[in-house]
Amino acid sequence: MKLHELKPAKGATHKVKRIGRGDGSGHGGTATKGTKGAQSRTGFKNKRAHEGGQMPIQRRVPKRGFKNPNRIEYKVINLGQVEQLAEKYSITEFSLENLYINGLIGQTDRIKVLGNGELKGKFTFKVNAASEKAKAAIEAAGGTVEIVK
């Protein structure tokens, strides 16, 4: 076998469809676009969400709700989860850097501590927000909460 003898496997290549190059090509005449109508003409451009005159879906479906552009999204940590996370990742300080390094949050995520569950150990929290109940529970267990902006 030589390099000049190599060729693709049978059926691997297809003949190129050359449109509008005369009747001998098999794709002349209307150039595979049908006979009449806007789609057969030059310069035709189909608009996004155009459904051929049928009422488009964005107009059929009613508008609902409201998206607040100023909403601040937080990743939530409940006090009930803290013990498990501390054991699994062997951390005592819950800071944004520690949580990011351990793959628990993304680089731009914000953290809020909520007071659901019980806290037994002494932990340090450096987070973006914390509920009053969570703050009280952490300080009662001997830990500290620092709010970082």
N, C-alpha and C. Protein backbone atom coordinates (compact mmCIF):
# COMPACT_ATOMS: atom_id res chain seq x y z
N MET A 1 0.85 -1.19 0.00
CA MET A 1 0.00 0.00 0.00
C MET A 1 0.89 1.25 0.00
N LYS A 2 0.53 2.17 -0.85
CA LYS A 2 1.29 3.41 -0.96
C LYS A 2 0.36 4.59 -0.72
N LEU A 3 0.94 5.74 -0.37
CA LEU A 3 0.14 6.92 -0.07
C LEU A 3 -0.76 7.32 -1.23
N HIS A 4 -0.28 7.22 -2.46
CA HIS A 4 -1.09 7.64 -3.60
C HIS A 4 -2.21 6.64 -3.93
N GLU A 5 -2.19 5.48 -3.26
CA GLU A 5 -3.25 4.49 -3.49
C GLU A 5 -4.38 4.59 -2.47
N LEU A 6 -4.20 5.41 -1.44
CA LEU A 6 -5.23 5.54 -0.40
C LEU A 6 -6.45 6.27 -0.93
N LYS A 7 -7.63 5.78 -0.58
CA LYS A 7 -8.87 6.50 -0.89
C LYS A 7 -9.92 6.18 0.17
N PRO A 8 -10.93 7.04 0.33
CA PRO A 8 -11.93 6.83 1.38
C PRO A 8 -12.72 5.54 1.17
N ALA A 9 -13.30 5.04 2.25
CA ALA A 9 -14.11 3.82 2.19
C ALA A 9 -15.32 4.04 1.29
N LYS A 10 -15.83 2.97 0.72
CA LYS A 10 -16.97 3.06 -0.18
C LYS A 10 -18.19 3.58 0.58
N GLY A 11 -18.83 4.62 0.04
CA GLY A 11 -20.00 5.21 0.68
C GLY A 11 -19.67 6.32 1.67
N ALA A 12 -18.38 6.56 1.92
CA ALA A 12 -18.00 7.58 2.90
C ALA A 12 -18.08 8.98 2.31
N THR A 13 -17.92 9.11 0.99
CA THR A 13 -17.97 10.42 0.36
C THR A 13 -19.25 10.55 -0.46
N HIS A 14 -19.75 11.77 -0.58
CA HIS A 14 -20.97 12.04 -1.33
C HIS A 14 -20.67 13.07 -2.41
N LYS A 15 -21.45 12.99 -3.47
CA LYS A 15 -21.30 13.95 -4.56
C LYS A 15 -21.84 15.30 -4.10
N VAL A 16 -21.12 16.38 -4.39
CA VAL A 16 -21.54 17.72 -3.98
C VAL A 16 -22.74 18.15 -4.81
N LYS A 17 -23.76 18.72 -4.15
CA LYS A 17 -24.98 19.16 -4.83
C LYS A 17 -24.74 20.58 -5.34
N ARG A 18 -24.42 20.71 -6.63
CA ARG A 18 -24.15 22.02 -7.22
C ARG A 18 -25.45 22.57 -7.78
N ILE A 19 -26.01 23.56 -7.09
CA ILE A 19 -27.33 24.08 -7.42
C ILE A 19 -27.25 25.21 -8.44
N GLY A 20 -28.19 25.21 -9.39
CA GLY A 20 -28.30 26.31 -10.34
C GLY A 20 -27.17 26.39 -11.34
N ARG A 21 -26.65 25.24 -11.79
CA ARG A 21 -25.55 25.23 -12.75
C ARG A 21 -25.98 24.55 -14.06
N GLY A 22 -27.22 24.79 -14.45
CA GLY A 22 -27.69 24.27 -15.73
C GLY A 22 -28.45 22.97 -15.59
N ASP A 23 -29.23 22.64 -16.63
CA ASP A 23 -30.08 21.45 -16.59
C ASP A 23 -29.28 20.16 -16.56
N GLY A 24 -28.08 20.18 -17.11
CA GLY A 24 -27.26 18.97 -17.14
C GLY A 24 -26.84 18.51 -15.75
N SER A 25 -26.82 19.41 -14.79
CA SER A 25 -26.40 19.06 -13.43
C SER A 25 -27.49 18.30 -12.67
N GLY A 26 -28.73 18.37 -13.18
CA GLY A 26 -29.84 17.74 -12.46
C GLY A 26 -30.44 18.66 -11.41
N HIS A 27 -29.81 19.82 -11.17
CA HIS A 27 -30.32 20.79 -10.20
C HIS A 27 -30.42 22.16 -10.85
N GLY A 28 -30.73 22.20 -12.12
CA GLY A 28 -30.89 23.48 -12.82
C GLY A 28 -32.33 23.94 -12.72
N GLY A 29 -32.79 24.75 -13.64
CA GLY A 29 -34.18 25.20 -13.67
C GLY A 29 -34.52 26.02 -12.46
N THR A 30 -35.27 25.43 -11.52
CA THR A 30 -35.69 26.16 -10.31
C THR A 30 -34.66 26.04 -9.19
N ALA A 31 -33.57 25.32 -9.43
CA ALA A 31 -32.48 25.18 -8.46
C ALA A 31 -32.97 24.61 -7.14
N THR A 32 -33.81 23.60 -7.19
CA THR A 32 -34.35 22.84 -6.04
C THR A 32 -35.17 23.69 -5.08
N LYS A 33 -35.66 24.86 -5.55
CA LYS A 33 -36.42 25.74 -4.65
C LYS A 33 -37.91 25.71 -4.94
N GLY A 34 -38.37 24.88 -5.83
CA GLY A 34 -39.79 24.89 -6.18
C GLY A 34 -40.07 25.98 -7.20
N THR A 35 -41.36 26.13 -7.58
CA THR A 35 -41.65 27.05 -8.67
C THR A 35 -41.85 28.49 -8.25
N LYS A 36 -42.86 28.77 -7.41
CA LYS A 36 -43.16 30.18 -7.11
C LYS A 36 -43.13 30.45 -5.61
N GLY A 37 -43.30 31.72 -5.27
CA GLY A 37 -43.39 32.11 -3.86
C GLY A 37 -42.13 32.79 -3.39
N ALA A 38 -42.24 33.42 -2.23
CA ALA A 38 -41.13 34.22 -1.68
C ALA A 38 -39.88 33.37 -1.48
N GLN A 39 -40.06 32.11 -1.09
CA GLN A 39 -38.89 31.29 -0.77
C GLN A 39 -38.08 30.93 -2.00
N SER A 40 -38.68 31.00 -3.17
CA SER A 40 -37.93 30.68 -4.39
C SER A 40 -37.18 31.89 -4.93
N ARG A 41 -37.52 33.06 -4.45
CA ARG A 41 -36.94 34.29 -5.00
C ARG A 41 -35.61 34.64 -4.30
N THR A 42 -34.83 35.43 -5.00
CA THR A 42 -33.56 35.87 -4.44
C THR A 42 -33.81 36.87 -3.31
N GLY A 43 -32.93 36.87 -2.32
CA GLY A 43 -33.07 37.81 -1.21
C GLY A 43 -34.05 37.39 -0.15
N PHE A 44 -34.64 36.19 -0.27
CA PHE A 44 -35.60 35.74 0.75
C PHE A 44 -34.86 35.46 2.06
N LYS A 45 -35.43 35.95 3.12
CA LYS A 45 -34.85 35.73 4.44
C LYS A 45 -35.98 35.41 5.41
N ASN A 46 -35.95 34.24 6.02
CA ASN A 46 -36.99 33.84 6.95
C ASN A 46 -36.75 34.52 8.29
N LYS A 47 -37.75 35.22 8.81
CA LYS A 47 -37.60 35.93 10.08
C LYS A 47 -37.69 34.95 11.25
N ARG A 48 -36.97 35.26 12.31
CA ARG A 48 -36.99 34.44 13.51
C ARG A 48 -38.40 34.38 14.07
N ALA A 49 -38.86 33.20 14.44
CA ALA A 49 -40.17 32.95 15.04
C ALA A 49 -41.33 33.17 14.06
N HIS A 50 -41.05 33.27 12.75
CA HIS A 50 -42.13 33.41 11.77
C HIS A 50 -42.74 32.03 11.54
N GLU A 51 -44.07 31.95 11.61
CA GLU A 51 -44.75 30.67 11.48
C GLU A 51 -45.66 30.65 10.27
N GLY A 52 -45.30 31.37 9.23
CA GLY A 52 -46.04 31.31 7.98
C GLY A 52 -47.40 31.96 8.06
N GLY A 53 -47.57 32.98 8.88
CA GLY A 53 -48.85 33.66 8.99
C GLY A 53 -49.67 33.20 10.17
N GLN A 54 -49.39 31.99 10.67
CA GLN A 54 -50.06 31.51 11.88
C GLN A 54 -49.61 32.39 13.04
N MET A 55 -50.50 32.61 13.99
CA MET A 55 -50.17 33.45 15.15
C MET A 55 -48.97 32.83 15.89
N PRO A 56 -47.85 33.55 16.00
CA PRO A 56 -46.65 32.97 16.61
C PRO A 56 -46.87 32.60 18.09
N ILE A 57 -46.08 31.65 18.54
CA ILE A 57 -46.27 31.13 19.91
C ILE A 57 -46.05 32.22 20.96
N GLN A 58 -45.13 33.17 20.71
CA GLN A 58 -44.89 34.20 21.72
C GLN A 58 -46.05 35.18 21.81
N ARG A 59 -46.97 35.16 20.83
CA ARG A 59 -48.17 35.99 20.92
C ARG A 59 -49.38 35.18 21.36
N ARG A 60 -49.35 33.85 21.15
CA ARG A 60 -50.46 32.98 21.58
C ARG A 60 -50.45 32.77 23.09
N VAL A 61 -49.25 32.68 23.66
CA VAL A 61 -49.12 32.37 25.08
C VAL A 61 -49.14 33.68 25.87
N PRO A 62 -49.95 33.75 26.94
CA PRO A 62 -50.03 35.01 27.70
C PRO A 62 -48.76 35.29 28.50
N LYS A 63 -48.54 36.58 28.77
CA LYS A 63 -47.40 36.98 29.59
C LYS A 63 -47.74 36.73 31.05
N ARG A 64 -46.76 36.23 31.81
CA ARG A 64 -46.99 35.99 33.23
C ARG A 64 -45.74 36.34 34.02
N GLY A 65 -45.96 36.86 35.22
CA GLY A 65 -44.87 37.02 36.16
C GLY A 65 -44.00 38.24 35.90
N PHE A 66 -42.92 38.28 36.67
CA PHE A 66 -42.02 39.42 36.65
C PHE A 66 -40.64 38.94 37.06
N LYS A 67 -39.61 39.32 36.32
CA LYS A 67 -38.23 39.00 36.68
C LYS A 67 -37.58 40.27 37.20
N ASN A 68 -37.23 40.28 38.46
CA ASN A 68 -36.61 41.44 39.07
C ASN A 68 -35.14 41.51 38.64
N PRO A 69 -34.75 42.55 37.91
CA PRO A 69 -33.36 42.63 37.46
C PRO A 69 -32.37 42.90 38.61
N ASN A 70 -32.86 43.37 39.75
CA ASN A 70 -32.00 43.69 40.88
C ASN A 70 -31.92 42.59 41.93
N ARG A 71 -32.52 41.42 41.64
CA ARG A 71 -32.53 40.32 42.60
C ARG A 71 -31.10 39.81 42.84
N ILE A 72 -30.79 39.54 44.09
CA ILE A 72 -29.48 38.98 44.45
C ILE A 72 -29.69 37.50 44.78
N GLU A 73 -29.08 36.62 44.03
CA GLU A 73 -29.21 35.17 44.23
C GLU A 73 -28.14 34.69 45.21
N TYR A 74 -28.56 33.88 46.17
CA TYR A 74 -27.63 33.31 47.14
C TYR A 74 -27.65 31.79 47.05
N LYS A 75 -26.49 31.18 47.26
CA LYS A 75 -26.43 29.74 47.50
C LYS A 75 -26.66 29.59 49.00
N VAL A 76 -27.52 28.66 49.38
CA VAL A 76 -27.94 28.56 50.77
C VAL A 76 -27.23 27.40 51.47
N ILE A 77 -26.76 27.68 52.69
CA ILE A 77 -26.25 26.62 53.57
C ILE A 77 -27.09 26.67 54.84
N ASN A 78 -27.75 25.56 55.15
CA ASN A 78 -28.50 25.46 56.39
C ASN A 78 -27.60 24.92 57.49
N LEU A 79 -27.92 25.27 58.73
CA LEU A 79 -27.09 24.84 59.84
C LEU A 79 -27.05 23.32 59.96
N GLY A 80 -28.12 22.66 59.53
CA GLY A 80 -28.17 21.19 59.55
C GLY A 80 -27.15 20.56 58.61
N GLN A 81 -26.71 21.27 57.58
CA GLN A 81 -25.74 20.73 56.62
C GLN A 81 -24.30 20.97 57.05
N VAL A 82 -24.09 21.90 57.96
CA VAL A 82 -22.74 22.34 58.31
C VAL A 82 -21.89 21.20 58.85
N GLU A 83 -22.45 20.39 59.74
CA GLU A 83 -21.70 19.27 60.34
C GLU A 83 -21.22 18.30 59.26
N GLN A 84 -22.11 17.94 58.34
CA GLN A 84 -21.76 16.99 57.28
C GLN A 84 -20.67 17.56 56.37
N LEU A 85 -20.82 18.84 55.99
CA LEU A 85 -19.82 19.48 55.12
C LEU A 85 -18.47 19.57 55.81
N ALA A 86 -18.48 19.89 57.10
CA ALA A 86 -17.24 20.00 57.87
C ALA A 86 -16.53 18.66 57.94
N GLU A 87 -17.28 17.57 58.14
CA GLU A 87 -16.69 16.23 58.19
C GLU A 87 -16.14 15.82 56.84
N LYS A 88 -16.96 16.01 55.80
CA LYS A 88 -16.60 15.55 54.46
C LYS A 88 -15.38 16.28 53.91
N TYR A 89 -15.32 17.60 54.09
CA TYR A 89 -14.23 18.40 53.52
C TYR A 89 -13.21 18.85 54.56
N SER A 90 -13.36 18.43 55.80
CA SER A 90 -12.49 18.77 56.93
C SER A 90 -12.18 20.27 56.98
N ILE A 91 -13.25 21.06 57.14
CA ILE A 91 -13.10 22.51 57.27
C ILE A 91 -13.80 23.00 58.53
N THR A 92 -13.22 24.01 59.16
CA THR A 92 -13.86 24.63 60.33
C THR A 92 -14.25 26.06 60.03
N GLU A 93 -13.64 26.63 58.99
CA GLU A 93 -13.98 28.00 58.59
C GLU A 93 -14.73 27.96 57.25
N PHE A 94 -15.97 28.40 57.28
CA PHE A 94 -16.78 28.44 56.06
C PHE A 94 -16.66 29.81 55.42
N SER A 95 -15.60 29.97 54.62
CA SER A 95 -15.40 31.23 53.90
C SER A 95 -15.64 30.96 52.41
N LEU A 96 -15.78 32.03 51.63
CA LEU A 96 -16.02 31.89 50.20
C LEU A 96 -14.86 31.15 49.54
N GLU A 97 -13.62 31.44 49.96
CA GLU A 97 -12.44 30.81 49.37
C GLU A 97 -12.44 29.31 49.65
N ASN A 98 -12.69 28.92 50.91
CA ASN A 98 -12.71 27.50 51.28
C ASN A 98 -13.77 26.73 50.51
N LEU A 99 -14.95 27.31 50.42
CA LEU A 99 -16.05 26.63 49.73
C LEU A 99 -15.76 26.51 48.23
N TYR A 100 -15.13 27.53 47.66
CA TYR A 100 -14.78 27.49 46.23
C TYR A 100 -13.70 26.45 45.96
N ILE A 101 -12.68 26.41 46.82
CA ILE A 101 -11.59 25.45 46.66
C ILE A 101 -12.11 24.02 46.72
N ASN A 102 -13.09 23.76 47.59
CA ASN A 102 -13.65 22.42 47.72
C ASN A 102 -14.74 22.12 46.69
N GLY A 103 -15.00 23.06 45.78
CA GLY A 103 -15.94 22.81 44.69
C GLY A 103 -17.41 22.88 45.08
N LEU A 104 -17.71 23.53 46.20
CA LEU A 104 -19.10 23.63 46.66
C LEU A 104 -19.83 24.81 46.04
N ILE A 105 -19.10 25.83 45.63
CA ILE A 105 -19.71 27.01 45.01
C ILE A 105 -18.89 27.43 43.79
N GLY A 106 -19.49 28.29 42.97
CA GLY A 106 -18.77 28.87 41.84
C GLY A 106 -18.00 30.09 42.30
N GLN A 107 -17.20 30.63 41.39
CA GLN A 107 -16.32 31.75 41.74
C GLN A 107 -17.10 33.02 42.08
N THR A 108 -18.26 33.22 41.43
CA THR A 108 -19.02 34.46 41.65
C THR A 108 -20.24 34.26 42.54
N ASP A 109 -20.41 33.07 43.10
CA ASP A 109 -21.59 32.79 43.93
C ASP A 109 -21.53 33.54 45.26
N ARG A 110 -22.73 33.85 45.77
CA ARG A 110 -22.86 34.47 47.10
C ARG A 110 -23.45 33.43 48.04
N ILE A 111 -23.08 33.48 49.30
CA ILE A 111 -23.51 32.48 50.28
C ILE A 111 -24.36 33.13 51.36
N LYS A 112 -25.45 32.42 51.72
CA LYS A 112 -26.28 32.86 52.84
C LYS A 112 -26.47 31.67 53.77
N VAL A 113 -26.30 31.90 55.06
CA VAL A 113 -26.48 30.86 56.06
C VAL A 113 -27.87 31.02 56.66
N LEU A 114 -28.63 29.92 56.66
CA LEU A 114 -29.98 29.93 57.23
C LEU A 114 -30.03 29.02 58.45
N GLY A 115 -30.97 29.28 59.33
CA GLY A 115 -31.02 28.62 60.63
C GLY A 115 -31.79 27.33 60.70
N ASN A 116 -31.96 26.61 59.61
CA ASN A 116 -32.70 25.35 59.62
C ASN A 116 -31.78 24.22 60.09
N GLY A 117 -32.12 23.56 61.17
CA GLY A 117 -31.29 22.48 61.71
C GLY A 117 -30.55 22.92 62.96
N GLU A 118 -29.75 21.99 63.50
CA GLU A 118 -29.01 22.27 64.73
C GLU A 118 -27.51 22.31 64.46
N LEU A 119 -26.82 23.12 65.24
CA LEU A 119 -25.37 23.24 65.12
C LEU A 119 -24.74 22.82 66.43
N LYS A 120 -23.82 21.83 66.38
CA LYS A 120 -23.20 21.32 67.60
C LYS A 120 -21.77 21.82 67.77
N GLY A 121 -21.05 21.94 66.65
CA GLY A 121 -19.64 22.34 66.72
C GLY A 121 -19.44 23.84 66.69
N LYS A 122 -18.15 24.23 66.86
CA LYS A 122 -17.78 25.64 66.86
C LYS A 122 -17.17 25.94 65.48
N PHE A 123 -17.84 26.82 64.72
CA PHE A 123 -17.39 27.11 63.36
C PHE A 123 -17.32 28.62 63.13
N THR A 124 -16.45 29.00 62.20
CA THR A 124 -16.31 30.39 61.80
C THR A 124 -16.93 30.55 60.42
N PHE A 125 -17.75 31.56 60.24
CA PHE A 125 -18.40 31.81 58.95
C PHE A 125 -18.01 33.19 58.43
N LYS A 126 -17.52 33.22 57.20
CA LYS A 126 -17.26 34.48 56.49
C LYS A 126 -18.09 34.41 55.21
N VAL A 127 -19.33 34.90 55.30
CA VAL A 127 -20.30 34.74 54.21
C VAL A 127 -20.91 36.08 53.83
N ASN A 128 -21.70 36.08 52.75
CA ASN A 128 -22.32 37.32 52.27
C ASN A 128 -23.55 37.71 53.08
N ALA A 129 -24.26 36.73 53.63
CA ALA A 129 -25.47 37.04 54.41
C ALA A 129 -25.77 35.89 55.36
N ALA A 130 -26.48 36.21 56.42
CA ALA A 130 -26.91 35.19 57.38
C ALA A 130 -28.20 35.67 58.04
N SER A 131 -29.10 34.73 58.29
CA SER A 131 -30.36 35.09 58.95
C SER A 131 -30.09 35.33 60.44
N GLU A 132 -31.02 36.04 61.08
CA GLU A 132 -30.87 36.34 62.52
C GLU A 132 -30.84 35.06 63.34
N LYS A 133 -31.70 34.10 62.99
CA LYS A 133 -31.77 32.83 63.71
C LYS A 133 -30.44 32.06 63.58
N ALA A 134 -29.87 32.08 62.38
CA ALA A 134 -28.60 31.39 62.14
C ALA A 134 -27.47 32.06 62.94
N LYS A 135 -27.42 33.39 62.93
CA LYS A 135 -26.40 34.12 63.68
C LYS A 135 -26.46 33.76 65.17
N ALA A 136 -27.68 33.77 65.71
CA ALA A 136 -27.87 33.47 67.13
C ALA A 136 -27.41 32.04 67.44
N ALA A 137 -27.76 31.08 66.58
CA ALA A 137 -27.40 29.68 66.81
C ALA A 137 -25.89 29.47 66.73
N ILE A 138 -25.23 30.14 65.78
CA ILE A 138 -23.78 29.99 65.62
C ILE A 138 -23.05 30.58 66.82
N GLU A 139 -23.48 31.77 67.27
CA GLU A 139 -22.84 32.41 68.41
C GLU A 139 -23.12 31.66 69.72
N ALA A 140 -24.30 31.02 69.80
CA ALA A 140 -24.62 30.22 70.99
C ALA A 140 -23.73 28.98 71.06
N ALA A 141 -23.32 28.45 69.90
CA ALA A 141 -22.44 27.28 69.85
C ALA A 141 -20.96 27.66 70.00
N GLY A 142 -20.68 28.97 70.10
CA GLY A 142 -19.30 29.42 70.31
C GLY A 142 -18.59 29.84 69.03
N GLY A 143 -19.31 29.89 67.92
CA GLY A 143 -18.71 30.29 66.65
C GLY A 143 -18.86 31.77 66.40
N THR A 144 -18.35 32.21 65.21
CA THR A 144 -18.47 33.61 64.84
C THR A 144 -19.00 33.73 63.42
N VAL A 145 -19.67 34.86 63.17
CA VAL A 145 -20.20 35.15 61.84
C VAL A 145 -19.67 36.50 61.40
N GLU A 146 -19.03 36.53 60.23
CA GLU A 146 -18.56 37.78 59.65
C GLU A 146 -19.21 37.95 58.30
N ILE A 147 -19.87 39.09 58.11
CA ILE A 147 -20.54 39.35 56.84
C ILE A 147 -19.55 40.03 55.89
N VAL A 148 -19.33 39.39 54.74
CA VAL A 148 -18.39 39.88 53.73
C VAL A 148 -19.20 40.39 52.55
N LYS A 149 -18.85 41.53 52.04
CA LYS A 149 -19.57 42.08 50.88
C LYS A 149 -18.90 41.67 49.59
